[in-house]
Protein backbone atom coordinates (compact mmCIF):
# COMPACT_ATOMS: atom_id res chain seq x y z
CA UNK A 1 -1.96 -14.57 5.95
CA UNK A 2 -3.63 -16.93 8.46
CA UNK A 3 -5.92 -14.90 10.61
CA UNK A 4 -8.34 -12.00 9.87
CA UNK A 5 -10.06 -10.26 12.53
CA UNK A 6 -13.49 -8.74 11.97
CA UNK A 7 -14.86 -6.47 14.71
CA UNK A 8 -18.71 -6.12 14.28
CA UNK A 9 -21.42 -3.76 15.78
CA UNK A 10 -23.91 -5.60 13.50
CA UNK A 11 -24.46 -2.55 11.53
CA UNK A 12 -24.43 -2.25 7.52
CA UNK A 13 -20.73 -1.25 7.34
CA UNK A 14 -19.70 -4.12 9.55
CA UNK A 15 -21.64 -6.36 7.26
CA UNK A 16 -19.87 -4.77 4.15
CA UNK A 17 -16.49 -5.32 6.06
CA UNK A 18 -17.38 -9.02 6.72
CA UNK A 19 -18.06 -9.71 2.91
CA UNK A 20 -14.55 -8.10 2.10
CA UNK A 21 -13.03 -10.37 4.76
CA UNK A 22 -14.50 -13.41 3.38
CA UNK A 23 -13.28 -12.83 -0.03
CA UNK A 24 -9.58 -12.22 1.36
CA UNK A 25 -10.15 -15.37 3.60
CA UNK A 26 -11.20 -17.40 0.57
CA UNK A 27 -8.21 -16.24 -1.52
CA UNK A 28 -5.83 -16.96 1.52
CA UNK A 29 -7.50 -19.87 3.13
CA UNK A 30 -7.48 -17.76 6.24
CA UNK A 31 -9.66 -18.10 9.31
CA UNK A 32 -12.06 -15.33 10.38
CA UNK A 33 -12.46 -14.37 13.97
CA UNK A 34 -15.65 -12.23 14.64
CA UNK A 35 -15.38 -10.08 17.64
CA UNK A 36 -18.00 -8.07 19.25
CA UNK A 37 -18.12 -6.06 22.50
CA UNK A 38 -20.44 -4.18 24.52
CA UNK A 39 -20.87 -2.00 27.72
CA UNK A 40 -24.04 -1.83 29.70
CA UNK A 41 -24.86 1.36 31.61
CA UNK A 42 -27.50 0.58 34.24
CA UNK A 43 -29.26 3.89 34.93
CA UNK A 44 -32.18 2.77 37.01
CA UNK A 45 -31.30 3.71 40.62
CA UNK A 46 -33.65 1.03 42.00
CA UNK A 47 -31.85 -1.72 39.83
CA UNK A 48 -30.47 -4.56 41.68
CA UNK A 49 -27.26 -6.28 41.07
CA UNK A 50 -29.49 -9.27 40.03
CA UNK A 51 -31.29 -7.25 37.48
CA UNK A 52 -27.81 -6.00 35.98
CA UNK A 53 -26.49 -9.55 35.58
CA UNK A 54 -29.76 -10.45 33.81
CA UNK A 55 -29.29 -7.56 31.50
CA UNK A 56 -25.80 -8.66 30.76
CA UNK A 57 -26.77 -12.36 30.19
CA UNK A 58 -29.56 -11.34 27.86
CA UNK A 59 -27.26 -8.88 25.93
CA UNK A 60 -24.50 -11.31 25.55
CA UNK A 61 -26.90 -14.34 24.54
CA UNK A 62 -28.42 -11.87 21.62
CA UNK A 63 -25.17 -11.24 20.48
CA UNK A 64 -23.96 -14.83 20.51
CA UNK A 65 -27.04 -15.63 18.42
CA UNK A 66 -26.26 -13.15 15.63
CA UNK A 67 -22.51 -14.12 15.76
CA UNK A 68 -23.47 -17.83 15.30
CA UNK A 69 -25.48 -16.98 12.25
CA UNK A 70 -22.52 -15.25 10.99
CA UNK A 71 -20.22 -18.20 11.44
CA UNK A 72 -22.70 -20.47 9.72
CA UNK A 73 -22.94 -18.24 6.68
CA UNK A 74 -19.18 -17.86 6.57
CA UNK A 75 -18.66 -21.57 6.69
CA UNK A 76 -20.89 -22.06 3.83
CA UNK A 77 -18.36 -20.44 1.42
CA UNK A 78 -15.31 -22.36 -0.02
CA UNK A 79 -11.57 -21.11 0.03
CA UNK A 80 -9.37 -21.84 -3.31
CA UNK A 81 -8.60 -25.46 -2.33
CA UNK A 82 -12.44 -26.08 -2.04
CA UNK A 83 -12.63 -26.33 1.83
CA UNK A 84 -15.24 -24.60 3.90
CA UNK A 85 -14.04 -21.19 5.56
CA UNK A 86 -13.01 -21.45 9.15
CA UNK A 87 -15.02 -18.95 11.59
CA UNK A 88 -15.25 -18.19 15.09
CA UNK A 89 -16.39 -15.70 17.34
CA UNK A 90 -15.62 -13.96 20.56
CA UNK A 91 -17.97 -11.63 22.52
CA UNK A 92 -17.29 -9.83 26.13
CA UNK A 93 -18.23 -6.99 27.79
CA UNK A 94 -15.56 -4.43 27.24
CA UNK A 95 -14.91 -1.01 25.37
CA UNK A 96 -14.60 -1.99 21.52
CA UNK A 97 -11.15 -0.58 20.97
CA UNK A 98 -9.71 -2.35 23.84
CA UNK A 99 -11.49 -5.61 23.23
CA UNK A 100 -10.24 -5.36 19.29
CA UNK A 101 -6.74 -4.70 20.08
CA UNK A 102 -6.49 -7.29 22.95
CA UNK A 103 -8.17 -10.03 20.45
CA UNK A 104 -5.79 -9.02 17.77
CA UNK A 105 -2.82 -9.64 19.89
CA UNK A 106 -4.18 -12.87 21.55
CA UNK A 107 -5.17 -14.48 18.16
CA UNK A 108 -2.10 -13.13 16.30
CA UNK A 109 -4.31 -11.52 13.60
CA UNK A 110 -2.53 -10.86 10.68
CA UNK A 111 -5.17 -8.38 9.47
CA UNK A 112 -7.92 -6.39 10.96
CA UNK A 113 -10.85 -5.63 8.54
CA UNK A 114 -13.24 -2.97 9.98
CA UNK A 115 -16.31 -1.12 8.78
CA UNK A 116 -15.79 2.65 9.16
CA UNK A 117 -18.65 5.14 9.48
CA UNK A 118 -18.23 8.50 8.03
CA UNK A 119 -17.27 10.85 10.70
CA UNK A 120 -16.65 14.69 11.26
CA UNK A 121 -13.29 16.04 11.31
CA UNK A 122 -13.47 16.69 15.04
CA UNK A 123 -14.99 13.36 15.95
CA UNK A 124 -11.90 11.57 14.35
CA UNK A 125 -9.60 14.03 15.97
CA UNK A 126 -11.19 13.53 19.30
CA UNK A 127 -11.45 9.80 19.33
CA UNK A 128 -13.42 6.88 17.54
CA UNK A 129 -13.15 3.16 17.64
CA UNK A 130 -11.51 3.18 14.18
CA UNK A 131 -8.95 5.84 14.92
CA UNK A 132 -7.88 4.10 18.29
CA UNK A 133 -7.38 0.94 16.54
CA UNK A 134 -5.56 2.41 13.73
CA UNK A 135 -3.30 4.22 16.35
CA UNK A 136 -2.58 1.28 18.29
CA UNK A 137 -2.56 -1.86 16.36
CA UNK A 138 0.36 -3.90 15.46
CA UNK A 139 -1.10 -5.42 12.29
CA UNK A 140 -2.48 -3.79 8.98
CA UNK A 141 -6.23 -2.46 9.43
CA UNK A 142 -8.28 -2.44 6.42
CA UNK A 143 -11.21 0.22 6.64
CA UNK A 144 -14.43 -0.59 4.47
CA UNK A 145 -17.11 1.99 4.14
CA UNK A 146 -20.84 1.23 3.17
CA UNK A 147 -20.04 2.73 0.00
CA UNK A 148 -17.07 0.73 -0.87
CA UNK A 149 -17.17 -1.16 -3.97
CA UNK A 150 -16.26 -4.69 -3.76
CA UNK A 151 -13.25 -5.70 -6.04
CA UNK A 152 -10.41 -8.36 -6.59
CA UNK A 153 -7.81 -5.93 -5.57
CA UNK A 154 -5.83 -6.51 -8.52
CA UNK A 155 -3.73 -3.15 -8.15
CA UNK A 156 -2.61 -1.73 -4.76
CA UNK A 157 -1.96 1.97 -4.43
CA UNK A 158 0.76 2.89 -1.53
CA UNK A 159 1.34 6.38 -0.87
CA UNK A 160 4.42 7.33 0.98
CA UNK A 161 5.89 10.69 1.94
CA UNK A 162 9.43 10.08 2.88
CA UNK A 163 10.95 7.59 0.04
CA UNK A 164 13.88 6.42 1.99
CA UNK A 165 12.25 6.25 5.46
CA UNK A 166 8.58 4.91 4.42
CA UNK A 167 9.74 2.65 1.13
CA UNK A 168 10.62 -0.30 3.40
CA UNK A 169 7.10 -0.28 4.84
CA UNK A 170 6.08 -1.87 1.42
CA UNK A 171 6.83 -5.27 3.13
CA UNK A 172 3.48 -5.04 5.18
CA UNK A 173 1.69 -4.67 1.90
CA UNK A 174 3.26 -7.53 0.02
CA UNK A 175 1.44 -10.43 1.73
CA UNK A 176 -1.97 -8.74 0.79
CA UNK A 177 -0.52 -8.35 -2.70
CA UNK A 178 0.46 -11.89 -3.13
CA UNK A 179 -2.93 -13.24 -1.82
CA UNK A 180 -4.66 -11.37 -4.90
CA UNK A 181 -1.61 -11.51 -7.46
CA UNK A 182 -1.80 -7.87 -7.46
CA UNK A 183 0.44 -5.12 -8.58
CA UNK A 184 1.91 -2.38 -5.98
CA UNK A 185 1.85 1.06 -7.41
CA UNK A 186 3.76 3.14 -5.06
CA UNK A 187 3.10 6.70 -5.29
CA UNK A 188 5.46 9.56 -4.13
CA UNK A 189 4.38 13.44 -4.40
CA UNK A 190 7.30 15.92 -4.40
CA UNK A 191 6.87 19.31 -3.84
CA UNK A 192 7.31 21.95 -6.39
CA UNK A 193 10.67 22.41 -7.64
CA UNK A 194 12.04 25.86 -7.41
CA UNK A 195 15.87 25.68 -7.68
CA UNK A 196 18.54 23.57 -9.64
CA UNK A 197 19.91 22.25 -6.41
CA UNK A 198 16.31 21.05 -5.40
CA UNK A 199 15.89 19.25 -8.95
CA UNK A 200 19.49 17.55 -8.35
CA UNK A 201 18.43 16.43 -4.80
CA UNK A 202 15.02 15.29 -6.04
CA UNK A 203 16.77 13.05 -8.78
CA UNK A 204 19.17 11.72 -6.30
CA UNK A 205 16.58 10.77 -4.04
CA UNK A 206 14.50 9.04 -6.73
CA UNK A 207 17.61 7.15 -7.90
CA UNK A 208 18.35 5.82 -4.27
CA UNK A 209 14.54 4.99 -4.04
CA UNK A 210 14.69 2.87 -6.97
CA UNK A 211 18.09 1.00 -5.92
CA UNK A 212 16.16 0.39 -2.63
CA UNK A 213 12.98 -1.03 -4.21
CA UNK A 214 14.98 -3.39 -6.36
CA UNK A 215 16.77 -4.70 -3.18
CA UNK A 216 13.03 -4.97 -1.53
CA UNK A 217 12.04 -7.13 -4.68
CA UNK A 218 14.64 -9.40 -4.17
CA UNK A 219 14.48 -9.71 -0.45
CA UNK A 220 10.73 -10.29 -0.50
CA UNK A 221 10.60 -12.30 -3.68
CA UNK A 222 7.91 -10.23 -5.13
CA UNK A 223 8.83 -7.94 -8.38
CA UNK A 224 5.33 -6.61 -9.47
CA UNK A 225 5.89 -3.16 -7.89
CA UNK A 226 6.94 0.24 -9.11
CA UNK A 227 7.32 3.75 -8.11
CA UNK A 228 5.44 6.57 -9.71
CA UNK A 229 5.87 10.20 -9.10
CA UNK A 230 3.89 13.43 -8.98
CA UNK A 231 5.05 16.92 -8.19
CA UNK A 232 2.52 19.24 -6.40
CA UNK A 233 2.37 21.45 -3.49
CA UNK A 234 -0.71 20.05 -1.92
CA UNK A 235 -0.61 16.29 -1.23
CA UNK A 236 -4.20 15.84 -0.04
CA UNK A 237 -5.59 17.44 -2.99
CA UNK A 238 -3.18 15.68 -5.51
CA UNK A 239 -4.09 12.37 -3.94
CA UNK A 240 -7.67 13.10 -3.99
CA UNK A 241 -7.51 13.85 -7.73
CA UNK A 242 -5.64 10.54 -8.57
CA UNK A 243 -8.35 8.84 -6.43
CA UNK A 244 -11.07 10.50 -8.50
CA UNK A 245 -9.57 9.80 -11.83
CA UNK A 246 -8.13 6.46 -11.44
CA UNK A 247 -10.55 4.98 -8.89
CA UNK A 248 -8.25 2.28 -7.25
CA UNK A 249 -9.14 -0.69 -5.81
CA UNK A 250 -7.31 0.15 -2.69
CA UNK A 251 -5.15 2.48 -1.18
CA UNK A 252 -2.35 1.62 1.36
CA UNK A 253 -1.15 4.40 3.71
CA UNK A 254 1.28 4.59 6.65
CA UNK A 255 -0.23 5.95 9.98
CA UNK A 256 1.76 8.62 11.38
CA UNK A 257 1.55 8.75 15.01
CA UNK A 258 1.22 12.12 16.48
CA UNK A 259 0.21 13.90 19.57
CA UNK A 260 -3.39 14.81 19.95
CA UNK A 261 -2.61 18.67 19.77
CA UNK A 262 -0.56 18.17 16.50
CA UNK A 263 -3.59 16.19 15.03
CA UNK A 264 -5.93 19.25 15.50
CA UNK A 265 -3.65 21.34 13.12
CA UNK A 266 -1.88 18.86 10.86
CA UNK A 267 -3.57 17.97 7.49
CA UNK A 268 -3.92 14.22 7.63
CA UNK A 269 -4.46 12.63 4.35
CA UNK A 270 -6.01 9.46 6.32
CA UNK A 271 -8.33 11.63 8.20
CA UNK A 272 -9.26 13.26 4.93
CA UNK A 273 -10.09 10.16 3.13
CA UNK A 274 -11.90 8.65 6.08
CA UNK A 275 -14.32 11.62 5.76
CA UNK A 276 -14.56 12.09 2.08
CA UNK A 277 -13.77 8.85 0.30
CA UNK A 278 -15.19 5.38 0.02
CA UNK A 279 -11.94 3.81 -1.32
CA UNK A 280 -10.75 0.93 0.83
CA UNK A 281 -7.76 2.13 3.04
CA UNK A 282 -5.34 -0.23 4.26
CA UNK A 283 -3.46 1.23 7.02
CA UNK A 284 -0.01 0.07 7.62
CA UNK A 285 2.68 1.11 10.33
């Protein structure tokens, strides 16, 4: 992990995300790139083009000053080798999701760390900055809330729906786990078993998953991960109960791309946790 992108709107949730990003950067000896974007709407019908330019320049300079101060504070911190953390910033007039995604691509970011405000279910479905970045990002996205408790991420929970199709996605979590010398606990929730054939199929699927996991351990030279199972009809309620009972330091989930019409009716675990949980969410693809 070499580059961590931290979008900021200068609000408290973005500052909390920056603190977490600094902790990750210190462990990984990674560079932090701060990105801020803004869009100006001049509503005064008597405003001239020169006035609009002046407003733009003033907004840009104010943003640069704040970002410079952030970078100075970041550089005061040291990484595991005792070197000052690296930091730089980018500020442009652009819509936030577009600027974040473009910057992540241009800087070859390994991770995006974002502050996430609590939204209503409808606002997340119809669109938010976080939702668009999650949907379109090529790299993992770590979501941090105001209420998130900072930790060392010694255990990472990874929730998966389809064992055979989604288990290989653990490769996106392994670099993060290596940074913190963390254990990966892979959680799969099966539906209630009603018949003997269902039970046989479940046992076969689990045995195949264990074989696949052993292969992945060797391929990525990371052995500290294991599968755990639960049986329940309601995945969201079961995962919510696990979070409440065990208070994991971070939960990784695979983002499922769906049509917006499906999003309205599909019960999304990510959407639910963004509204109801303060657990840091690592979104992978």
